[in-house]
């Protein structure tokens, strides 16, 4: 993820669900 908006959305998702997922990032 290199786009700032996409990154910020991903951070919100991680905070909501309580974990992060990375597949080939």
PDBML (XML) file of the C-alpha atoms, coordinates in Angstrom:
<?xml version="1.0" encoding="UTF-8" ?>
<PDBx:datablock datablockName="MODEL"
   xmlns:PDBx="http://pdbml.pdb.org/schema/pdbx-v50.xsd"
   xmlns:xsi="http://www.w3.org/2001/XMLSchema-instance"
   xsi:schemaLocation="http://pdbml.pdb.org/schema/pdbx-v50.xsd pdbx-v50.xsd">
   <PDBx:atom_siteCategory>
      <PDBx:atom_site id="1">
         <PDBx:B_iso_or_equiv>0.00</PDBx:B_iso_or_equiv>
         <PDBx:Cartn_x>0.000</PDBx:Cartn_x>
         <PDBx:Cartn_y>0.000</PDBx:Cartn_y>
         <PDBx:Cartn_z>0.000</PDBx:Cartn_z>
         <PDBx:auth_asym_id>A</PDBx:auth_asym_id>
         <PDBx:auth_atom_id>CA</PDBx:auth_atom_id>
         <PDBx:auth_comp_id>UNK</PDBx:auth_comp_id>
         <PDBx:auth_seq_id>1</PDBx:auth_seq_id>
         <PDBx:group_PDB>ATOM</PDBx:group_PDB>
         <PDBx:label_alt_id xsi:nil="true" />
         <PDBx:label_asym_id>A</PDBx:label_asym_id>
         <PDBx:label_atom_id>CA</PDBx:label_atom_id>
         <PDBx:label_comp_id>UNK</PDBx:label_comp_id>
         <PDBx:label_entity_id>1</PDBx:label_entity_id>
         <PDBx:label_seq_id>1</PDBx:label_seq_id>
         <PDBx:occupancy>1.00</PDBx:occupancy>
         <PDBx:pdbx_PDB_model_num>1</PDBx:pdbx_PDB_model_num>
         <PDBx:type_symbol>C</PDBx:type_symbol>
      </PDBx:atom_site>
      <PDBx:atom_site id="2">
         <PDBx:B_iso_or_equiv>0.00</PDBx:B_iso_or_equiv>
         <PDBx:Cartn_x>1.584</PDBx:Cartn_x>
         <PDBx:Cartn_y>3.256</PDBx:Cartn_y>
         <PDBx:Cartn_z>-1.128</PDBx:Cartn_z>
         <PDBx:auth_asym_id>A</PDBx:auth_asym_id>
         <PDBx:auth_atom_id>CA</PDBx:auth_atom_id>
         <PDBx:auth_comp_id>UNK</PDBx:auth_comp_id>
         <PDBx:auth_seq_id>2</PDBx:auth_seq_id>
         <PDBx:group_PDB>ATOM</PDBx:group_PDB>
         <PDBx:label_alt_id xsi:nil="true" />
         <PDBx:label_asym_id>A</PDBx:label_asym_id>
         <PDBx:label_atom_id>CA</PDBx:label_atom_id>
         <PDBx:label_comp_id>UNK</PDBx:label_comp_id>
         <PDBx:label_entity_id>1</PDBx:label_entity_id>
         <PDBx:label_seq_id>2</PDBx:label_seq_id>
         <PDBx:occupancy>1.00</PDBx:occupancy>
         <PDBx:pdbx_PDB_model_num>1</PDBx:pdbx_PDB_model_num>
         <PDBx:type_symbol>C</PDBx:type_symbol>
      </PDBx:atom_site>
      <PDBx:atom_site id="3">
         <PDBx:B_iso_or_equiv>0.00</PDBx:B_iso_or_equiv>
         <PDBx:Cartn_x>-1.445</PDBx:Cartn_x>
         <PDBx:Cartn_y>5.519</PDBx:Cartn_y>
         <PDBx:Cartn_z>-1.419</PDBx:Cartn_z>
         <PDBx:auth_asym_id>A</PDBx:auth_asym_id>
         <PDBx:auth_atom_id>CA</PDBx:auth_atom_id>
         <PDBx:auth_comp_id>UNK</PDBx:auth_comp_id>
         <PDBx:auth_seq_id>3</PDBx:auth_seq_id>
         <PDBx:group_PDB>ATOM</PDBx:group_PDB>
         <PDBx:label_alt_id xsi:nil="true" />
         <PDBx:label_asym_id>A</PDBx:label_asym_id>
         <PDBx:label_atom_id>CA</PDBx:label_atom_id>
         <PDBx:label_comp_id>UNK</PDBx:label_comp_id>
         <PDBx:label_entity_id>1</PDBx:label_entity_id>
         <PDBx:label_seq_id>3</PDBx:label_seq_id>
         <PDBx:occupancy>1.00</PDBx:occupancy>
         <PDBx:pdbx_PDB_model_num>1</PDBx:pdbx_PDB_model_num>
         <PDBx:type_symbol>C</PDBx:type_symbol>
      </PDBx:atom_site>
      <PDBx:atom_site id="4">
         <PDBx:B_iso_or_equiv>0.00</PDBx:B_iso_or_equiv>
         <PDBx:Cartn_x>-1.981</PDBx:Cartn_x>
         <PDBx:Cartn_y>7.652</PDBx:Cartn_y>
         <PDBx:Cartn_z>1.708</PDBx:Cartn_z>
         <PDBx:auth_asym_id>A</PDBx:auth_asym_id>
         <PDBx:auth_atom_id>CA</PDBx:auth_atom_id>
         <PDBx:auth_comp_id>UNK</PDBx:auth_comp_id>
         <PDBx:auth_seq_id>4</PDBx:auth_seq_id>
         <PDBx:group_PDB>ATOM</PDBx:group_PDB>
         <PDBx:label_alt_id xsi:nil="true" />
         <PDBx:label_asym_id>A</PDBx:label_asym_id>
         <PDBx:label_atom_id>CA</PDBx:label_atom_id>
         <PDBx:label_comp_id>UNK</PDBx:label_comp_id>
         <PDBx:label_entity_id>1</PDBx:label_entity_id>
         <PDBx:label_seq_id>4</PDBx:label_seq_id>
         <PDBx:occupancy>1.00</PDBx:occupancy>
         <PDBx:pdbx_PDB_model_num>1</PDBx:pdbx_PDB_model_num>
         <PDBx:type_symbol>C</PDBx:type_symbol>
      </PDBx:atom_site>
      <PDBx:atom_site id="5">
         <PDBx:B_iso_or_equiv>0.00</PDBx:B_iso_or_equiv>
         <PDBx:Cartn_x>-5.781</PDBx:Cartn_x>
         <PDBx:Cartn_y>7.414</PDBx:Cartn_y>
         <PDBx:Cartn_z>1.633</PDBx:Cartn_z>
         <PDBx:auth_asym_id>A</PDBx:auth_asym_id>
         <PDBx:auth_atom_id>CA</PDBx:auth_atom_id>
         <PDBx:auth_comp_id>UNK</PDBx:auth_comp_id>
         <PDBx:auth_seq_id>5</PDBx:auth_seq_id>
         <PDBx:group_PDB>ATOM</PDBx:group_PDB>
         <PDBx:label_alt_id xsi:nil="true" />
         <PDBx:label_asym_id>A</PDBx:label_asym_id>
         <PDBx:label_atom_id>CA</PDBx:label_atom_id>
         <PDBx:label_comp_id>UNK</PDBx:label_comp_id>
         <PDBx:label_entity_id>1</PDBx:label_entity_id>
         <PDBx:label_seq_id>5</PDBx:label_seq_id>
         <PDBx:occupancy>1.00</PDBx:occupancy>
         <PDBx:pdbx_PDB_model_num>1</PDBx:pdbx_PDB_model_num>
         <PDBx:type_symbol>C</PDBx:type_symbol>
      </PDBx:atom_site>
      <PDBx:atom_site id="6">
         <PDBx:B_iso_or_equiv>0.00</PDBx:B_iso_or_equiv>
         <PDBx:Cartn_x>-5.749</PDBx:Cartn_x>
         <PDBx:Cartn_y>3.645</PDBx:Cartn_y>
         <PDBx:Cartn_z>1.147</PDBx:Cartn_z>
         <PDBx:auth_asym_id>A</PDBx:auth_asym_id>
         <PDBx:auth_atom_id>CA</PDBx:auth_atom_id>
         <PDBx:auth_comp_id>UNK</PDBx:auth_comp_id>
         <PDBx:auth_seq_id>6</PDBx:auth_seq_id>
         <PDBx:group_PDB>ATOM</PDBx:group_PDB>
         <PDBx:label_alt_id xsi:nil="true" />
         <PDBx:label_asym_id>A</PDBx:label_asym_id>
         <PDBx:label_atom_id>CA</PDBx:label_atom_id>
         <PDBx:label_comp_id>UNK</PDBx:label_comp_id>
         <PDBx:label_entity_id>1</PDBx:label_entity_id>
         <PDBx:label_seq_id>6</PDBx:label_seq_id>
         <PDBx:occupancy>1.00</PDBx:occupancy>
         <PDBx:pdbx_PDB_model_num>1</PDBx:pdbx_PDB_model_num>
         <PDBx:type_symbol>C</PDBx:type_symbol>
      </PDBx:atom_site>
      <PDBx:atom_site id="7">
         <PDBx:B_iso_or_equiv>0.00</PDBx:B_iso_or_equiv>
         <PDBx:Cartn_x>-3.185</PDBx:Cartn_x>
         <PDBx:Cartn_y>3.358</PDBx:Cartn_y>
         <PDBx:Cartn_z>3.965</PDBx:Cartn_z>
         <PDBx:auth_asym_id>A</PDBx:auth_asym_id>
         <PDBx:auth_atom_id>CA</PDBx:auth_atom_id>
         <PDBx:auth_comp_id>UNK</PDBx:auth_comp_id>
         <PDBx:auth_seq_id>7</PDBx:auth_seq_id>
         <PDBx:group_PDB>ATOM</PDBx:group_PDB>
         <PDBx:label_alt_id xsi:nil="true" />
         <PDBx:label_asym_id>A</PDBx:label_asym_id>
         <PDBx:label_atom_id>CA</PDBx:label_atom_id>
         <PDBx:label_comp_id>UNK</PDBx:label_comp_id>
         <PDBx:label_entity_id>1</PDBx:label_entity_id>
         <PDBx:label_seq_id>7</PDBx:label_seq_id>
         <PDBx:occupancy>1.00</PDBx:occupancy>
         <PDBx:pdbx_PDB_model_num>1</PDBx:pdbx_PDB_model_num>
         <PDBx:type_symbol>C</PDBx:type_symbol>
      </PDBx:atom_site>
      <PDBx:atom_site id="8">
         <PDBx:B_iso_or_equiv>0.00</PDBx:B_iso_or_equiv>
         <PDBx:Cartn_x>-5.306</PDBx:Cartn_x>
         <PDBx:Cartn_y>5.461</PDBx:Cartn_y>
         <PDBx:Cartn_z>6.331</PDBx:Cartn_z>
         <PDBx:auth_asym_id>A</PDBx:auth_asym_id>
         <PDBx:auth_atom_id>CA</PDBx:auth_atom_id>
         <PDBx:auth_comp_id>UNK</PDBx:auth_comp_id>
         <PDBx:auth_seq_id>8</PDBx:auth_seq_id>
         <PDBx:group_PDB>ATOM</PDBx:group_PDB>
         <PDBx:label_alt_id xsi:nil="true" />
         <PDBx:label_asym_id>A</PDBx:label_asym_id>
         <PDBx:label_atom_id>CA</PDBx:label_atom_id>
         <PDBx:label_comp_id>UNK</PDBx:label_comp_id>
         <PDBx:label_entity_id>1</PDBx:label_entity_id>
         <PDBx:label_seq_id>8</PDBx:label_seq_id>
         <PDBx:occupancy>1.00</PDBx:occupancy>
         <PDBx:pdbx_PDB_model_num>1</PDBx:pdbx_PDB_model_num>
         <PDBx:type_symbol>C</PDBx:type_symbol>
      </PDBx:atom_site>
      <PDBx:atom_site id="9">
         <PDBx:B_iso_or_equiv>0.00</PDBx:B_iso_or_equiv>
         <PDBx:Cartn_x>-8.378</PDBx:Cartn_x>
         <PDBx:Cartn_y>3.362</PDBx:Cartn_y>
         <PDBx:Cartn_z>5.494</PDBx:Cartn_z>
         <PDBx:auth_asym_id>A</PDBx:auth_asym_id>
         <PDBx:auth_atom_id>CA</PDBx:auth_atom_id>
         <PDBx:auth_comp_id>UNK</PDBx:auth_comp_id>
         <PDBx:auth_seq_id>9</PDBx:auth_seq_id>
         <PDBx:group_PDB>ATOM</PDBx:group_PDB>
         <PDBx:label_alt_id xsi:nil="true" />
         <PDBx:label_asym_id>A</PDBx:label_asym_id>
         <PDBx:label_atom_id>CA</PDBx:label_atom_id>
         <PDBx:label_comp_id>UNK</PDBx:label_comp_id>
         <PDBx:label_entity_id>1</PDBx:label_entity_id>
         <PDBx:label_seq_id>9</PDBx:label_seq_id>
         <PDBx:occupancy>1.00</PDBx:occupancy>
         <PDBx:pdbx_PDB_model_num>1</PDBx:pdbx_PDB_model_num>
         <PDBx:type_symbol>C</PDBx:type_symbol>
      </PDBx:atom_site>
      <PDBx:atom_site id="10">
         <PDBx:B_iso_or_equiv>0.00</PDBx:B_iso_or_equiv>
         <PDBx:Cartn_x>-6.383</PDBx:Cartn_x>
         <PDBx:Cartn_y>0.204</PDBx:Cartn_y>
         <PDBx:Cartn_z>6.195</PDBx:Cartn_z>
         <PDBx:auth_asym_id>A</PDBx:auth_asym_id>
         <PDBx:auth_atom_id>CA</PDBx:auth_atom_id>
         <PDBx:auth_comp_id>UNK</PDBx:auth_comp_id>
         <PDBx:auth_seq_id>10</PDBx:auth_seq_id>
         <PDBx:group_PDB>ATOM</PDBx:group_PDB>
         <PDBx:label_alt_id xsi:nil="true" />
         <PDBx:label_asym_id>A</PDBx:label_asym_id>
         <PDBx:label_atom_id>CA</PDBx:label_atom_id>
         <PDBx:label_comp_id>UNK</PDBx:label_comp_id>
         <PDBx:label_entity_id>1</PDBx:label_entity_id>
         <PDBx:label_seq_id>10</PDBx:label_seq_id>
         <PDBx:occupancy>1.00</PDBx:occupancy>
         <PDBx:pdbx_PDB_model_num>1</PDBx:pdbx_PDB_model_num>
         <PDBx:type_symbol>C</PDBx:type_symbol>
      </PDBx:atom_site>
      <PDBx:atom_site id="11">
         <PDBx:B_iso_or_equiv>0.00</PDBx:B_iso_or_equiv>
         <PDBx:Cartn_x>-5.250</PDBx:Cartn_x>
         <PDBx:Cartn_y>1.583</PDBx:Cartn_y>
         <PDBx:Cartn_z>9.561</PDBx:Cartn_z>
         <PDBx:auth_asym_id>A</PDBx:auth_asym_id>
         <PDBx:auth_atom_id>CA</PDBx:auth_atom_id>
         <PDBx:auth_comp_id>UNK</PDBx:auth_comp_id>
         <PDBx:auth_seq_id>11</PDBx:auth_seq_id>
         <PDBx:group_PDB>ATOM</PDBx:group_PDB>
         <PDBx:label_alt_id xsi:nil="true" />
         <PDBx:label_asym_id>A</PDBx:label_asym_id>
         <PDBx:label_atom_id>CA</PDBx:label_atom_id>
         <PDBx:label_comp_id>UNK</PDBx:label_comp_id>
         <PDBx:label_entity_id>1</PDBx:label_entity_id>
         <PDBx:label_seq_id>11</PDBx:label_seq_id>
         <PDBx:occupancy>1.00</PDBx:occupancy>
         <PDBx:pdbx_PDB_model_num>1</PDBx:pdbx_PDB_model_num>
         <PDBx:type_symbol>C</PDBx:type_symbol>
      </PDBx:atom_site>
      <PDBx:atom_site id="12">
         <PDBx:B_iso_or_equiv>0.00</PDBx:B_iso_or_equiv>
         <PDBx:Cartn_x>-8.884</PDBx:Cartn_x>
         <PDBx:Cartn_y>2.283</PDBx:Cartn_y>
         <PDBx:Cartn_z>10.489</PDBx:Cartn_z>
         <PDBx:auth_asym_id>A</PDBx:auth_asym_id>
         <PDBx:auth_atom_id>CA</PDBx:auth_atom_id>
         <PDBx:auth_comp_id>UNK</PDBx:auth_comp_id>
         <PDBx:auth_seq_id>12</PDBx:auth_seq_id>
         <PDBx:group_PDB>ATOM</PDBx:group_PDB>
         <PDBx:label_alt_id xsi:nil="true" />
         <PDBx:label_asym_id>A</PDBx:label_asym_id>
         <PDBx:label_atom_id>CA</PDBx:label_atom_id>
         <PDBx:label_comp_id>UNK</PDBx:label_comp_id>
         <PDBx:label_entity_id>1</PDBx:label_entity_id>
         <PDBx:label_seq_id>12</PDBx:label_seq_id>
         <PDBx:occupancy>1.00</PDBx:occupancy>
         <PDBx:pdbx_PDB_model_num>1</PDBx:pdbx_PDB_model_num>
         <PDBx:type_symbol>C</PDBx:type_symbol>
      </PDBx:atom_site>
      <PDBx:atom_site id="13">
         <PDBx:B_iso_or_equiv>0.00</PDBx:B_iso_or_equiv>
         <PDBx:Cartn_x>-9.835</PDBx:Cartn_x>
         <PDBx:Cartn_y>-1.261</PDBx:Cartn_y>
         <PDBx:Cartn_z>9.495</PDBx:Cartn_z>
         <PDBx:auth_asym_id>A</PDBx:auth_asym_id>
         <PDBx:auth_atom_id>CA</PDBx:auth_atom_id>
         <PDBx:auth_comp_id>UNK</PDBx:auth_comp_id>
         <PDBx:auth_seq_id>13</PDBx:auth_seq_id>
         <PDBx:group_PDB>ATOM</PDBx:group_PDB>
         <PDBx:label_alt_id xsi:nil="true" />
         <PDBx:label_asym_id>A</PDBx:label_asym_id>
         <PDBx:label_atom_id>CA</PDBx:label_atom_id>
         <PDBx:label_comp_id>UNK</PDBx:label_comp_id>
         <PDBx:label_entity_id>1</PDBx:label_entity_id>
         <PDBx:label_seq_id>13</PDBx:label_seq_id>
         <PDBx:occupancy>1.00</PDBx:occupancy>
         <PDBx:pdbx_PDB_model_num>1</PDBx:pdbx_PDB_model_num>
         <PDBx:type_symbol>C</PDBx:type_symbol>
      </PDBx:atom_site>
      <PDBx:atom_site id="14">
         <PDBx:B_iso_or_equiv>0.00</PDBx:B_iso_or_equiv>
         <PDBx:Cartn_x>-6.997</PDBx:Cartn_x>
         <PDBx:Cartn_y>-2.707</PDBx:Cartn_y>
         <PDBx:Cartn_z>11.593</PDBx:Cartn_z>
         <PDBx:auth_asym_id>A</PDBx:auth_asym_id>
         <PDBx:auth_atom_id>CA</PDBx:auth_atom_id>
         <PDBx:auth_comp_id>UNK</PDBx:auth_comp_id>
         <PDBx:auth_seq_id>14</PDBx:auth_seq_id>
         <PDBx:group_PDB>ATOM</PDBx:group_PDB>
         <PDBx:label_alt_id xsi:nil="true" />
         <PDBx:label_asym_id>A</PDBx:label_asym_id>
         <PDBx:label_atom_id>CA</PDBx:label_atom_id>
         <PDBx:label_comp_id>UNK</PDBx:label_comp_id>
         <PDBx:label_entity_id>1</PDBx:label_entity_id>
         <PDBx:label_seq_id>14</PDBx:label_seq_id>
         <PDBx:occupancy>1.00</PDBx:occupancy>
         <PDBx:pdbx_PDB_model_num>1</PDBx:pdbx_PDB_model_num>
         <PDBx:type_symbol>C</PDBx:type_symbol>
      </PDBx:atom_site>
      <PDBx:atom_site id="15">
         <PDBx:B_iso_or_equiv>0.00</PDBx:B_iso_or_equiv>
         <PDBx:Cartn_x>-8.055</PDBx:Cartn_x>
         <PDBx:Cartn_y>-0.620</PDBx:Cartn_y>
         <PDBx:Cartn_z>14.603</PDBx:Cartn_z>
         <PDBx:auth_asym_id>A</PDBx:auth_asym_id>
         <PDBx:auth_atom_id>CA</PDBx:auth_atom_id>
         <PDBx:auth_comp_id>UNK</PDBx:auth_comp_id>
         <PDBx:auth_seq_id>15</PDBx:auth_seq_id>
         <PDBx:group_PDB>ATOM</PDBx:group_PDB>
         <PDBx:label_alt_id xsi:nil="true" />
         <PDBx:label_asym_id>A</PDBx:label_asym_id>
         <PDBx:label_atom_id>CA</PDBx:label_atom_id>
         <PDBx:label_comp_id>UNK</PDBx:label_comp_id>
         <PDBx:label_entity_id>1</PDBx:label_entity_id>
         <PDBx:label_seq_id>15</PDBx:label_seq_id>
         <PDBx:occupancy>1.00</PDBx:occupancy>
         <PDBx:pdbx_PDB_model_num>1</PDBx:pdbx_PDB_model_num>
         <PDBx:type_symbol>C</PDBx:type_symbol>
      </PDBx:atom_site>
      <PDBx:atom_site id="16">
         <PDBx:B_iso_or_equiv>0.00</PDBx:B_iso_or_equiv>
         <PDBx:Cartn_x>-11.678</PDBx:Cartn_x>
         <PDBx:Cartn_y>-1.764</PDBx:Cartn_y>
         <PDBx:Cartn_z>14.228</PDBx:Cartn_z>
         <PDBx:auth_asym_id>A</PDBx:auth_asym_id>
         <PDBx:auth_atom_id>CA</PDBx:auth_atom_id>
         <PDBx:auth_comp_id>UNK</PDBx:auth_comp_id>
         <PDBx:auth_seq_id>16</PDBx:auth_seq_id>
         <PDBx:group_PDB>ATOM</PDBx:group_PDB>
         <PDBx:label_alt_id xsi:nil="true" />
         <PDBx:label_asym_id>A</PDBx:label_asym_id>
         <PDBx:label_atom_id>CA</PDBx:label_atom_id>
         <PDBx:label_comp_id>UNK</PDBx:label_comp_id>
         <PDBx:label_entity_id>1</PDBx:label_entity_id>
         <PDBx:label_seq_id>16</PDBx:label_seq_id>
         <PDBx:occupancy>1.00</PDBx:occupancy>
         <PDBx:pdbx_PDB_model_num>1</PDBx:pdbx_PDB_model_num>
         <PDBx:type_symbol>C</PDBx:type_symbol>
      </PDBx:atom_site>
      <PDBx:atom_site id="17">
         <PDBx:B_iso_or_equiv>0.00</PDBx:B_iso_or_equiv>
         <PDBx:Cartn_x>-11.006</PDBx:Cartn_x>
         <PDBx:Cartn_y>-5.472</PDBx:Cartn_y>
         <PDBx:Cartn_z>13.795</PDBx:Cartn_z>
         <PDBx:auth_asym_id>A</PDBx:auth_asym_id>
         <PDBx:auth_atom_id>CA</PDBx:auth_atom_id>
         <PDBx:auth_comp_id>UNK</PDBx:auth_comp_id>
         <PDBx:auth_seq_id>17</PDBx:auth_seq_id>
         <PDBx:group_PDB>ATOM</PDBx:group_PDB>
         <PDBx:label_alt_id xsi:nil="true" />
         <PDBx:label_asym_id>A</PDBx:label_asym_id>
         <PDBx:label_atom_id>CA</PDBx:label_atom_id>
         <PDBx:label_comp_id>UNK</PDBx:label_comp_id>
         <PDBx:label_entity_id>1</PDBx:label_entity_id>
         <PDBx:label_seq_id>17</PDBx:label_seq_id>
         <PDBx:occupancy>1.00</PDBx:occupancy>
         <PDBx:pdbx_PDB_model_num>1</PDBx:pdbx_PDB_model_num>
         <PDBx:type_symbol>C</PDBx:type_symbol>
      </PDBx:atom_site>
      <PDBx:atom_site id="18">
         <PDBx:B_iso_or_equiv>0.00</PDBx:B_iso_or_equiv>
         <PDBx:Cartn_x>-8.029</PDBx:Cartn_x>
         <PDBx:Cartn_y>-5.646</PDBx:Cartn_y>
         <PDBx:Cartn_z>16.162</PDBx:Cartn_z>
         <PDBx:auth_asym_id>A</PDBx:auth_asym_id>
         <PDBx:auth_atom_id>CA</PDBx:auth_atom_id>
         <PDBx:auth_comp_id>UNK</PDBx:auth_comp_id>
         <PDBx:auth_seq_id>18</PDBx:auth_seq_id>
         <PDBx:group_PDB>ATOM</PDBx:group_PDB>
         <PDBx:label_alt_id xsi:nil="true" />
         <PDBx:label_asym_id>A</PDBx:label_asym_id>
         <PDBx:label_atom_id>CA</PDBx:label_atom_id>
         <PDBx:label_comp_id>UNK</PDBx:label_comp_id>
         <PDBx:label_entity_id>1</PDBx:label_entity_id>
         <PDBx:label_seq_id>18</PDBx:label_seq_id>
         <PDBx:occupancy>1.00</PDBx:occupancy>
         <PDBx:pdbx_PDB_model_num>1</PDBx:pdbx_PDB_model_num>
         <PDBx:type_symbol>C</PDBx:type_symbol>
      </PDBx:atom_site>
      <PDBx:atom_site id="19">
         <PDBx:B_iso_or_equiv>0.00</PDBx:B_iso_or_equiv>
         <PDBx:Cartn_x>-5.545</PDBx:Cartn_x>
         <PDBx:Cartn_y>-7.239</PDBx:Cartn_y>
         <PDBx:Cartn_z>13.785</PDBx:Cartn_z>
         <PDBx:auth_asym_id>A</PDBx:auth_asym_id>
         <PDBx:auth_atom_id>CA</PDBx:auth_atom_id>
         <PDBx:auth_comp_id>UNK</PDBx:auth_comp_id>
         <PDBx:auth_seq_id>19</PDBx:auth_seq_id>
         <PDBx:group_PDB>ATOM</PDBx:group_PDB>
         <PDBx:label_alt_id xsi:nil="true" />
         <PDBx:label_asym_id>A</PDBx:label_asym_id>
         <PDBx:label_atom_id>CA</PDBx:label_atom_id>
         <PDBx:label_comp_id>UNK</PDBx:label_comp_id>
         <PDBx:label_entity_id>1</PDBx:label_entity_id>
         <PDBx:label_seq_id>19</PDBx:label_seq_id>
         <PDBx:occupancy>1.00</PDBx:occupancy>
         <PDBx:pdbx_PDB_model_num>1</PDBx:pdbx_PDB_model_num>
         <PDBx:type_symbol>C</PDBx:type_symbol>
      </PDBx:atom_site>
      <PDBx:atom_site id="20">
         <PDBx:B_iso_or_equiv>0.00</PDBx:B_iso_or_equiv>
         <PDBx:Cartn_x>-3.672</PDBx:Cartn_x>
         <PDBx:Cartn_y>-6.610</PDBx:Cartn_y>
         <PDBx:Cartn_z>10.543</PDBx:Cartn_z>
         <PDBx:auth_asym_id>A</PDBx:auth_asym_id>
         <PDBx:auth_atom_id>CA</PDBx:auth_atom_id>
         <PDBx:auth_comp_id>UNK</PDBx:auth_comp_id>
         <PDBx:auth_seq_id>20</PDBx:auth_seq_id>
         <PDBx:group_PDB>ATOM</PDBx:group_PDB>
         <PDBx:label_alt_id xsi:nil="true" />
         <PDBx:label_asym_id>A</PDBx:label_asym_id>
         <PDBx:label_atom_id>CA</PDBx:label_atom_id>
         <PDBx:label_comp_id>UNK</PDBx:label_comp_id>
         <PDBx:label_entity_id>1</PDBx:label_entity_id>
         <PDBx:label_seq_id>20</PDBx:label_seq_id>
         <PDBx:occupancy>1.00</PDBx:occupancy>
         <PDBx:pdbx_PDB_model_num>1</PDBx:pdbx_PDB_model_num>
         <PDBx:type_symbol>C</PDBx:type_symbol>
      </PDBx:atom_site>
      <PDBx:atom_site id="21">
         <PDBx:B_iso_or_equiv>0.00</PDBx:B_iso_or_equiv>
         <PDBx:Cartn_x>-3.440</PDBx:Cartn_x>
         <PDBx:Cartn_y>-8.845</PDBx:Cartn_y>
         <PDBx:Cartn_z>7.497</PDBx:Cartn_z>
         <PDBx:auth_asym_id>A</PDBx:auth_asym_id>
         <PDBx:auth_atom_id>CA</PDBx:auth_atom_id>
         <PDBx:auth_comp_id>UNK</PDBx:auth_comp_id>
         <PDBx:auth_seq_id>21</PDBx:auth_seq_id>
         <PDBx:group_PDB>ATOM</PDBx:group_PDB>
         <PDBx:label_alt_id xsi:nil="true" />
         <PDBx:label_asym_id>A</PDBx:label_asym_id>
         <PDBx:label_atom_id>CA</PDBx:label_atom_id>
         <PDBx:label_comp_id>UNK</PDBx:label_comp_id>
         <PDBx:label_entity_id>1</PDBx:label_entity_id>
         <PDBx:label_seq_id>21</PDBx:label_seq_id>
         <PDBx:occupancy>1.00</PDBx:occupancy>
         <PDBx:pdbx_PDB_model_num>1</PDBx:pdbx_PDB_model_num>
         <PDBx:type_symbol>C</PDBx:type_symbol>
      </PDBx:atom_site>
      <PDBx:atom_site id="22">
         <PDBx:B_iso_or_equiv>0.00</PDBx:B_iso_or_equiv>
         <PDBx:Cartn_x>-0.678</PDBx:Cartn_x>
         <PDBx:Cartn_y>-8.707</PDBx:Cartn_y>
         <PDBx:Cartn_z>4.928</PDBx:Cartn_z>
         <PDBx:auth_asym_id>A</PDBx:auth_asym_id>
         <PDBx:auth_atom_id>CA</PDBx:auth_atom_id>
         <PDBx:auth_comp_id>UNK</PDBx:auth_comp_id>
         <PDBx:auth_seq_id>22</PDBx:auth_seq_id>
         <PDBx:group_PDB>ATOM</PDBx:group_PDB>
         <PDBx:label_alt_id xsi:nil="true" />
         <PDBx:label_asym_id>A</PDBx:label_asym_id>
         <PDBx:label_atom_id>CA</PDBx:label_atom_id>
         <PDBx:label_comp_id>UNK</PDBx:label_comp_id>
         <PDBx:label_entity_id>1</PDBx:label_entity_id>
         <PDBx:label_seq_id>22</PDBx:label_seq_id>
         <PDBx:occupancy>1.00</PDBx:occupancy>
         <PDBx:pdbx_PDB_model_num>1</PDBx:pdbx_PDB_model_num>
         <PDBx:type_symbol>C</PDBx:type_symbol>
      </PDBx:atom_site>
      <PDBx:atom_site id="23">
         <PDBx:B_iso_or_equiv>0.00</PDBx:B_iso_or_equiv>
         <PDBx:Cartn_x>-0.618</PDBx:Cartn_x>
         <PDBx:Cartn_y>-10.847</PDBx:Cartn_y>
         <PDBx:Cartn_z>1.827</PDBx:Cartn_z>
         <PDBx:auth_asym_id>A</PDBx:auth_asym_id>
         <PDBx:auth_atom_id>CA</PDBx:auth_atom_id>
         <PDBx:auth_comp_id>UNK</PDBx:auth_comp_id>
         <PDBx:auth_seq_id>23</PDBx:auth_seq_id>
         <PDBx:group_PDB>ATOM</PDBx:group_PDB>
         <PDBx:label_alt_id xsi:nil="true" />
         <PDBx:label_asym_id>A</PDBx:label_asym_id>
         <PDBx:label_atom_id>CA</PDBx:label_atom_id>
         <PDBx:label_comp_id>UNK</PDBx:label_comp_id>
         <PDBx:label_entity_id>1</PDBx:label_entity_id>
         <PDBx:label_seq_id>23</PDBx:label_seq_id>
         <PDBx:occupancy>1.00</PDBx:occupancy>
         <PDBx:pdbx_PDB_model_num>1</PDBx:pdbx_PDB_model_num>
         <PDBx:type_symbol>C</PDBx:type_symbol>
      </PDBx:atom_site>
      <PDBx:atom_site id="24">
         <PDBx:B_iso_or_equiv>0.00</PDBx:B_iso_or_equiv>
         <PDBx:Cartn_x>2.455</PDBx:Cartn_x>
         <PDBx:Cartn_y>-10.199</PDBx:Cartn_y>
         <PDBx:Cartn_z>-0.275</PDBx:Cartn_z>
         <PDBx:auth_asym_id>A</PDBx:auth_asym_id>
         <PDBx:auth_atom_id>CA</PDBx:auth_atom_id>
         <PDBx:auth_comp_id>UNK</PDBx:auth_comp_id>
         <PDBx:auth_seq_id>24</PDBx:auth_seq_id>
         <PDBx:group_PDB>ATOM</PDBx:group_PDB>
         <PDBx:label_alt_id xsi:nil="true" />
         <PDBx:label_asym_id>A</PDBx:label_asym_id>
         <PDBx:label_atom_id>CA</PDBx:label_atom_id>
         <PDBx:label_comp_id>UNK</PDBx:label_comp_id>
         <PDBx:label_entity_id>1</PDBx:label_entity_id>
         <PDBx:label_seq_id>24</PDBx:label_seq_id>
         <PDBx:occupancy>1.00</PDBx:occupancy>
         <PDBx:pdbx_PDB_model_num>1</PDBx:pdbx_PDB_model_num>
         <PDBx:type_symbol>C</PDBx:type_symbol>
      </PDBx:atom_site>
      <PDBx:atom_site id="25">
         <PDBx:B_iso_or_equiv>0.00</PDBx:B_iso_or_equiv>
         <PDBx:Cartn_x>2.758</PDBx:Cartn_x>
         <PDBx:Cartn_y>-6.570</PDBx:Cartn_y>
         <PDBx:Cartn_z>0.818</PDBx:Cartn_z>
         <PDBx:auth_asym_id>A</PDBx:auth_asym_id>
         <PDBx:auth_atom_id>CA</PDBx:auth_atom_id>
         <PDBx:auth_comp_id>UNK</PDBx:auth_comp_id>
         <PDBx:auth_seq_id>25</PDBx:auth_seq_id>
         <PDBx:group_PDB>ATOM</PDBx:group_PDB>
         <PDBx:label_alt_id xsi:nil="true" />
         <PDBx:label_asym_id>A</PDBx:label_asym_id>
         <PDBx:label_atom_id>CA</PDBx:label_atom_id>
         <PDBx:label_comp_id>UNK</PDBx:label_comp_id>
         <PDBx:label_entity_id>1</PDBx:label_entity_id>
         <PDBx:label_seq_id>25</PDBx:label_seq_id>
         <PDBx:occupancy>1.00</PDBx:occupancy>
         <PDBx:pdbx_PDB_model_num>1</PDBx:pdbx_PDB_model_num>
         <PDBx:type_symbol>C</PDBx:type_symbol>
      </PDBx:atom_site>
   </PDBx:atom_siteCategory>
</PDBx:datablock>
